[in-house]
Structure formats: C-alpha cells, structure tokens
Amino acid sequence: MPRISVHDFYNGVLAEYGDTAKGLHFNSDSSQQIRFRVLRELLPERLARLTILDVGCGFGDLLRYFQEADDPPRQYIGMDLHERMVEVARERTGAQIIHGDVLTDPLPAADWYVCSGSLNNFTRDETKRAVERCYKAAGAGLVFNLLRGNDWSDTFNYRQPAEVEGWAEALGAEVTIVDGYLFRDFTAALVKAAA
C-alpha cells in the first residue's frame, strides 16, 4: 500500500472542522486530551529540564496541554508535514515548528520524541521506520500511540502491542505499553537504558 497523501487526507477535514481537534481527525477534543494524558504519564515526572519533539504536532495542542497543566518542557519543538498545521502551530505556540517529514528529513536532537496520532496514516513499513528513526534521534526515548487491531485499511494503520514489543527488543529499548483507555488505541514508551 502506498503512503496516503497527508494533504489530501487532512484538507477535507480541515475544510469541514477548521483548526480544531476534529480538523486533525481526532474523534473529539476529549479523545485528543485522553491520548495526551496517557502520553504524559509515560514521560518523566519533570518536563521542565527536557526538550520534547512532537512529530506530527498538528496545531501544537500537546504544548498547550502541557502549559495548561503548568508542566511545560524546557523546550518544545513541533514537526509537521502539512503547511497549514505548521502555520497555525507557529501562531498559537510561538515555539519552534519545523515543516518536515519524519521519514526523510534530518531529525533534531531532543530528549524525548512523542507522536500522538501521527503514525496512523503511514504504511506498516513506514510506521516501523518512523519509530526506529525517532528512537535513534531521541536522547532518552520515544512515546507514541497507534490504532490497535489487525485490520488492513487504505487509510489507517492498525498494529498490535506485541509488534511494538518486538521493535523495542530489536532496538534494545525498555518498553511500556498502556492499553484500554480508548477503543482500539494503545500507547507505547520505548526508553533507552541509562548510561
């Protein structure tokens, strides 16, 4: 299956829902917030000393989530392939937002990489490659969520936690997986061993 066009996929929902969580193809604001909460629980206790790189940052909502919880990282860097999302994220956050492709462009150094929903439209091979690239670029680890299932879809990418455990083993990462917080969704943390 070839990679779907990010622009074609999001342009329709952006036209319908605007610069909102639904415009990013989340079911609702609350499902986006639930994913963010689970991601945050898998990150270190204190973000104030860390650089977080948010792959597929959309409108920068994860940074706003951290700020509203009075828990901002030392530095937040967003990265997205869709020009409109990059533009809105820059306006809303004032943070460094990179227009780039996680599969082909150089990845900046950061303590932690996070991906919330951004891997769901990759092909199966691309998902594994994105996880490997982000993990290798991260100083401490990677936290990401995926759709759980065995379905084959022309639009969405479904995986199983056991596959992610296999990736973690191949990378030499410690893995934690959280499941059951939303229907057909799970989150994984791949952590590098302390030096």
C-alpha atoms as a PDB file:
ATOM      1  CA  MET A   1       0.000   0.000   0.000  1.00  0.00           C
ATOM      2  CA  PRO A   2       1.483   3.400  -0.951  1.00  0.00           C
ATOM      3  CA  ARG A   3       1.577   6.179   1.617  1.00  0.00           C
ATOM      4  CA  ILE A   4      -1.556   8.300   1.547  1.00  0.00           C
ATOM      5  CA  SER A   5      -1.294  11.995   0.799  1.00  0.00           C
ATOM      6  CA  VAL A   6      -1.215  13.908   4.078  1.00  0.00           C
ATOM      7  CA  HIS A   7      -2.544  16.959   2.288  1.00  0.00           C
ATOM      8  CA  ASP A   8      -5.477  15.153   0.667  1.00  0.00           C
ATOM      9  CA  PHE A   9      -6.322  13.366   3.913  1.00  0.00           C
ATOM     10  CA  TYR A  10      -6.354  16.475   6.100  1.00  0.00           C
ATOM     11  CA  ASN A  11      -7.555  19.129   3.655  1.00  0.00           C
ATOM     12  CA  GLY A  12     -11.085  17.703   3.683  1.00  0.00           C
ATOM     13  CA  VAL A  13     -11.432  17.538   7.472  1.00  0.00           C
ATOM     14  CA  LEU A  14      -9.759  20.930   7.891  1.00  0.00           C
ATOM     15  CA  ALA A  15     -12.266  22.414   5.460  1.00  0.00           C
ATOM     16  CA  GLU A  16     -15.128  20.866   7.428  1.00  0.00           C
ATOM     17  CA  TYR A  17     -13.946  21.329  11.041  1.00  0.00           C
ATOM     18  CA  GLY A  18     -11.327  24.075  10.864  1.00  0.00           C
ATOM     19  CA  ASP A  19      -8.338  24.369  13.166  1.00  0.00           C
ATOM     20  CA  THR A  20      -9.751  22.056  15.856  1.00  0.00           C
ATOM     21  CA  ALA A  21      -9.090  18.563  17.213  1.00  0.00           C
ATOM     22  CA  LYS A  22     -11.688  17.225  14.751  1.00  0.00           C
ATOM     23  CA  GLY A  23      -9.801  19.032  11.984  1.00  0.00           C
ATOM     24  CA  LEU A  24      -6.825  16.849  12.973  1.00  0.00           C
ATOM     25  CA  HIS A  25      -9.052  13.764  12.604  1.00  0.00           C
ATOM     26  CA  PHE A  26      -9.469  13.123  16.335  1.00  0.00           C
ATOM     27  CA  ASN A  27     -12.989  11.940  17.226  1.00  0.00           C
ATOM     28  CA  SER A  28     -13.322  14.800  19.711  1.00  0.00           C
ATOM     29  CA  ASP A  29     -11.412  17.205  21.938  1.00  0.00           C
ATOM     30  CA  SER A  30     -11.825  14.718  24.783  1.00  0.00           C
ATOM     31  CA  SER A  31     -10.259  11.806  22.862  1.00  0.00           C
ATOM     32  CA  GLN A  32      -7.296  14.042  22.000  1.00  0.00           C
ATOM     33  CA  GLN A  33      -6.973  15.009  25.680  1.00  0.00           C
ATOM     34  CA  ILE A  34      -7.124  11.357  26.772  1.00  0.00           C
ATOM     35  CA  ARG A  35      -4.293  10.471  24.384  1.00  0.00           C
ATOM     36  CA  PHE A  36      -2.264  13.413  25.668  1.00  0.00           C
ATOM     37  CA  ARG A  37      -2.833  12.331  29.286  1.00  0.00           C
ATOM     38  CA  VAL A  38      -1.572   8.810  28.582  1.00  0.00           C
ATOM     39  CA  LEU A  39       1.453  10.150  26.679  1.00  0.00           C
ATOM     40  CA  ARG A  40       2.243  12.474  29.591  1.00  0.00           C
ATOM     41  CA  GLU A  41       2.021   9.638  32.120  1.00  0.00           C
ATOM     42  CA  LEU A  42       4.740   7.770  30.214  1.00  0.00           C
ATOM     43  CA  LEU A  43       7.142  10.725  30.139  1.00  0.00           C
ATOM     44  CA  PRO A  44       9.476  11.573  33.054  1.00  0.00           C
ATOM     45  CA  GLU A  45       7.975  13.230  36.113  1.00  0.00           C
ATOM     46  CA  ARG A  46       9.522  16.640  35.402  1.00  0.00           C
ATOM     47  CA  LEU A  47       9.428  18.119  31.920  1.00  0.00           C
ATOM     48  CA  ALA A  48      10.986  21.439  32.922  1.00  0.00           C
ATOM     49  CA  ARG A  49      14.522  20.197  32.149  1.00  0.00           C
ATOM     50  CA  LEU A  50      13.659  18.382  28.921  1.00  0.00           C
ATOM     51  CA  THR A  51      13.403  19.040  25.209  1.00  0.00           C
ATOM     52  CA  ILE A  52      10.330  17.414  23.681  1.00  0.00           C
ATOM     53  CA  LEU A  53       9.985  16.944  19.923  1.00  0.00           C
ATOM     54  CA  ASP A  54       6.356  16.436  18.852  1.00  0.00           C
ATOM     55  CA  VAL A  55       6.223  14.605  15.498  1.00  0.00           C
ATOM     56  CA  GLY A  56       3.026  15.376  13.614  1.00  0.00           C
ATOM     57  CA  CYS A  57       2.371  18.251  16.009  1.00  0.00           C
ATOM     58  CA  GLY A  58      -0.741  19.471  14.205  1.00  0.00           C
ATOM     59  CA  PHE A  59      -1.688  22.794  15.781  1.00  0.00           C
ATOM     60  CA  GLY A  60       0.681  22.460  18.741  1.00  0.00           C
ATOM     61  CA  ASP A  61      -2.097  21.234  21.026  1.00  0.00           C
ATOM     62  CA  LEU A  62       0.250  18.995  23.035  1.00  0.00           C
ATOM     63  CA  LEU A  63       2.322  22.001  24.103  1.00  0.00           C
ATOM     64  CA  ARG A  64      -0.857  23.809  25.087  1.00  0.00           C
ATOM     65  CA  TYR A  65      -1.879  20.722  27.095  1.00  0.00           C
ATOM     66  CA  PHE A  66       1.446  20.830  28.960  1.00  0.00           C
ATOM     67  CA  GLN A  67       1.125  24.577  29.561  1.00  0.00           C
ATOM     68  CA  GLU A  68      -2.456  24.326  30.859  1.00  0.00           C
ATOM     69  CA  ALA A  69      -1.247  21.670  33.336  1.00  0.00           C
ATOM     70  CA  ASP A  70       1.558  24.059  34.394  1.00  0.00           C
ATOM     71  CA  ASP A  71       4.025  21.428  33.168  1.00  0.00           C
ATOM     72  CA  PRO A  72       5.799  22.853  30.110  1.00  0.00           C
ATOM     73  CA  PRO A  73       9.051  21.338  28.865  1.00  0.00           C
ATOM     74  CA  ARG A  74      12.242  23.395  28.826  1.00  0.00           C
ATOM     75  CA  GLN A  75      11.975  23.387  25.037  1.00  0.00           C
ATOM     76  CA  TYR A  76       9.204  22.201  22.746  1.00  0.00           C
ATOM     77  CA  ILE A  77       9.850  21.557  19.056  1.00  0.00           C
ATOM     78  CA  GLY A  78       6.977  20.655  16.761  1.00  0.00           C
ATOM     79  CA  MET A  79       7.286  18.972  13.384  1.00  0.00           C
ATOM     80  CA  ASP A  80       4.577  18.510  10.772  1.00  0.00           C
ATOM     81  CA  LEU A  81       4.306  17.835   7.055  1.00  0.00           C
ATOM     82  CA  HIS A  82       1.134  19.861   6.461  1.00  0.00           C
ATOM     83  CA  GLU A  83       1.822  23.561   5.774  1.00  0.00           C
ATOM     84  CA  ARG A  84      -1.449  24.813   7.323  1.00  0.00           C
ATOM     85  CA  MET A  85      -0.775  22.935  10.551  1.00  0.00           C
ATOM     86  CA  VAL A  86       2.772  24.326  10.735  1.00  0.00           C
ATOM     87  CA  GLU A  87       1.452  27.849  10.193  1.00  0.00           C
ATOM     88  CA  VAL A  88      -1.259  27.557  12.859  1.00  0.00           C
ATOM     89  CA  ALA A  89       1.086  25.848  15.351  1.00  0.00           C
ATOM     90  CA  ARG A  90       3.633  28.641  14.970  1.00  0.00           C
ATOM     91  CA  GLU A  91       0.937  31.284  15.539  1.00  0.00           C
ATOM     92  CA  ARG A  92      -0.623  29.509  18.526  1.00  0.00           C
ATOM     93  CA  THR A  93       2.508  28.416  20.362  1.00  0.00           C
ATOM     94  CA  GLY A  94       5.343  30.761  19.425  1.00  0.00           C
ATOM     95  CA  ALA A  95       7.508  27.630  19.573  1.00  0.00           C
ATOM     96  CA  GLN A  96       9.923  26.252  17.012  1.00  0.00           C
ATOM     97  CA  ILE A  97       7.762  24.381  14.496  1.00  0.00           C
ATOM     98  CA  ILE A  98       9.557  22.559  11.691  1.00  0.00           C
ATOM     99  CA  HIS A  99       7.952  21.847   8.346  1.00  0.00           C
ATOM    100  CA  GLY A 100       9.346  18.396   7.629  1.00  0.00           C
ATOM    101  CA  ASP A 101       8.889  14.689   7.021  1.00  0.00           C
ATOM    102  CA  VAL A 102       9.895  12.316   9.826  1.00  0.00           C
ATOM    103  CA  LEU A 103      10.731   9.617   7.269  1.00  0.00           C
ATOM    104  CA  THR A 104      13.129  11.601   5.104  1.00  0.00           C
ATOM    105  CA  ASP A 105      14.298  14.807   6.755  1.00  0.00           C
ATOM    106  CA  PRO A 106      17.070  15.191   9.353  1.00  0.00           C
ATOM    107  CA  LEU A 107      15.707  14.843  12.885  1.00  0.00           C
ATOM    108  CA  PRO A 108      16.802  17.357  15.520  1.00  0.00           C
ATOM    109  CA  ALA A 109      18.239  16.294  18.850  1.00  0.00           C
ATOM    110  CA  ALA A 110      15.697  16.114  21.680  1.00  0.00           C
ATOM    111  CA  ASP A 111      15.476  14.282  24.973  1.00  0.00           C
ATOM    112  CA  TRP A 112      12.117  12.762  24.101  1.00  0.00           C
ATOM    113  CA  TYR A 113      10.207  12.284  20.874  1.00  0.00           C
ATOM    114  CA  VAL A 114       6.416  11.985  21.026  1.00  0.00           C
ATOM    115  CA  CYS A 115       3.918  11.012  18.313  1.00  0.00           C
ATOM    116  CA  SER A 116       0.199  11.383  19.023  1.00  0.00           C
ATOM    117  CA  GLY A 117      -1.884  10.090  16.137  1.00  0.00           C
ATOM    118  CA  SER A 118       0.804  10.982  13.638  1.00  0.00           C
ATOM    119  CA  LEU A 119       1.709   7.380  12.743  1.00  0.00           C
ATOM    120  CA  ASN A 120      -1.842   6.292  11.958  1.00  0.00           C
ATOM    121  CA  ASN A 121      -1.679   7.139   8.251  1.00  0.00           C
ATOM    122  CA  PHE A 122       1.680   5.584   7.473  1.00  0.00           C
ATOM    123  CA  THR A 123       2.088   2.257   5.780  1.00  0.00           C
ATOM    124  CA  ARG A 124       3.080  -0.626   8.010  1.00  0.00           C
ATOM    125  CA  ASP A 125       6.738  -0.419   6.945  1.00  0.00           C
ATOM    126  CA  GLU A 126       6.798   3.365   7.315  1.00  0.00           C
ATOM    127  CA  THR A 127       5.471   3.121  10.859  1.00  0.00           C
ATOM    128  CA  LYS A 128       8.301   0.854  11.925  1.00  0.00           C
ATOM    129  CA  ARG A 129      10.853   3.050  10.158  1.00  0.00           C
ATOM    130  CA  ALA A 130       9.456   6.218  11.803  1.00  0.00           C
ATOM    131  CA  VAL A 131       9.627   4.574  15.231  1.00  0.00           C
ATOM    132  CA  GLU A 132      13.232   3.497  14.618  1.00  0.00           C
ATOM    133  CA  ARG A 133      14.273   6.953  13.367  1.00  0.00           C
ATOM    134  CA  CYS A 134      12.612   8.798  16.259  1.00  0.00           C
ATOM    135  CA  TYR A 135      14.015   6.410  18.846  1.00  0.00           C
ATOM    136  CA  LYS A 136      17.544   6.772  17.475  1.00  0.00           C
ATOM    137  CA  ALA A 137      17.255  10.593  17.386  1.00  0.00           C
ATOM    138  CA  ALA A 138      15.938  10.806  20.955  1.00  0.00           C
ATOM    139  CA  GLY A 139      18.338  11.153  23.844  1.00  0.00           C
ATOM    140  CA  ALA A 140      16.116   9.288  26.322  1.00  0.00           C
ATOM    141  CA  GLY A 141      13.183   7.730  24.492  1.00  0.00           C
ATOM    142  CA  LEU A 142      10.051   7.822  22.408  1.00  0.00           C
ATOM    143  CA  VAL A 143       6.371   7.772  23.386  1.00  0.00           C
ATOM    144  CA  PHE A 144       3.740   7.158  20.699  1.00  0.00           C
ATOM    145  CA  ASN A 145       0.246   5.863  20.169  1.00  0.00           C
ATOM    146  CA  LEU A 146      -1.178   3.607  17.482  1.00  0.00           C
ATOM    147  CA  LEU A 147      -4.510   2.154  16.475  1.00  0.00           C
ATOM    148  CA  ARG A 148      -4.860  -1.397  17.805  1.00  0.00           C
ATOM    149  CA  GLY A 149      -6.127  -4.127  15.519  1.00  0.00           C
ATOM    150  CA  ASN A 150      -5.418  -6.472  12.658  1.00  0.00           C
ATOM    151  CA  ASP A 151      -7.389  -4.609  10.009  1.00  0.00           C
ATOM    152  CA  TRP A 152      -5.923  -3.725   6.651  1.00  0.00           C
ATOM    153  CA  SER A 153      -7.068  -0.296   5.561  1.00  0.00           C
ATOM    154  CA  ASP A 154      -6.249   2.056   2.708  1.00  0.00           C
ATOM    155  CA  THR A 155      -6.331   4.953   5.177  1.00  0.00           C
ATOM    156  CA  PHE A 156      -5.469   3.843   8.707  1.00  0.00           C
ATOM    157  CA  ASN A 157      -2.629   1.780  10.081  1.00  0.00           C
ATOM    158  CA  TYR A 158      -3.547  -0.839  12.692  1.00  0.00           C
ATOM    159  CA  ARG A 159      -0.916  -2.622  14.783  1.00  0.00           C
ATOM    160  CA  GLN A 160      -0.682  -4.915  17.786  1.00  0.00           C
ATOM    161  CA  PRO A 161       1.211  -4.238  21.025  1.00  0.00           C
ATOM    162  CA  ALA A 162       3.211  -7.453  20.501  1.00  0.00           C
ATOM    163  CA  GLU A 163       4.663  -5.997  17.285  1.00  0.00           C
ATOM    164  CA  VAL A 164       5.844  -2.924  19.168  1.00  0.00           C
ATOM    165  CA  GLU A 165       7.396  -5.135  21.833  1.00  0.00           C
ATOM    166  CA  GLY A 166       9.360  -6.835  19.046  1.00  0.00           C
ATOM    167  CA  TRP A 167      10.562  -3.479  17.716  1.00  0.00           C
ATOM    168  CA  ALA A 168      11.640  -2.470  21.210  1.00  0.00           C
ATOM    169  CA  GLU A 169      13.600  -5.677  21.664  1.00  0.00           C
ATOM    170  CA  ALA A 170      15.383  -5.167  18.333  1.00  0.00           C
ATOM    171  CA  LEU A 171      16.285  -1.601  19.366  1.00  0.00           C
ATOM    172  CA  GLY A 172      17.415  -2.636  22.842  1.00  0.00           C
ATOM    173  CA  ALA A 173      14.728  -0.454  24.397  1.00  0.00           C
ATOM    174  CA  GLU A 174      12.798  -0.936  27.596  1.00  0.00           C
ATOM    175  CA  VAL A 175       9.121  -0.900  26.635  1.00  0.00           C
ATOM    176  CA  THR A 176       5.943   0.005  28.497  1.00  0.00           C
ATOM    177  CA  ILE A 177       2.563  -0.336  26.811  1.00  0.00           C
ATOM    178  CA  VAL A 178      -0.700   1.161  28.049  1.00  0.00           C
ATOM    179  CA  ASP A 179      -3.960  -0.158  26.596  1.00  0.00           C
ATOM    180  CA  GLY A 180      -7.664   0.092  27.370  1.00  0.00           C
ATOM    181  CA  TYR A 181      -8.052   3.882  27.698  1.00  0.00           C
ATOM    182  CA  LEU A 182      -9.789   4.334  24.304  1.00  0.00           C
ATOM    183  CA  PHE A 183     -11.344   1.842  21.914  1.00  0.00           C
ATOM    184  CA  ARG A 184      -8.717   0.442  19.534  1.00  0.00           C
ATOM    185  CA  ASP A 185      -5.866   2.626  20.760  1.00  0.00           C
ATOM    186  CA  PHE A 186      -2.668   1.905  22.664  1.00  0.00           C
ATOM    187  CA  THR A 187       0.387   3.886  23.691  1.00  0.00           C
ATOM    188  CA  ALA A 188       3.978   2.715  23.962  1.00  0.00           C
ATOM    189  CA  ALA A 189       7.072   4.160  25.594  1.00  0.00           C
ATOM    190  CA  LEU A 190      10.452   2.984  24.294  1.00  0.00           C
ATOM    191  CA  VAL A 191      13.092   4.064  26.785  1.00  0.00           C
ATOM    192  CA  LYS A 192      16.859   3.970  26.392  1.00  0.00           C
ATOM    193  CA  ALA A 193      18.857   2.307  29.148  1.00  0.00           C
ATOM    194  CA  ALA A 194      20.565   4.802  31.466  1.00  0.00           C
ATOM    195  CA  ALA A 195      24.200   5.341  30.526  1.00  0.00           C
END
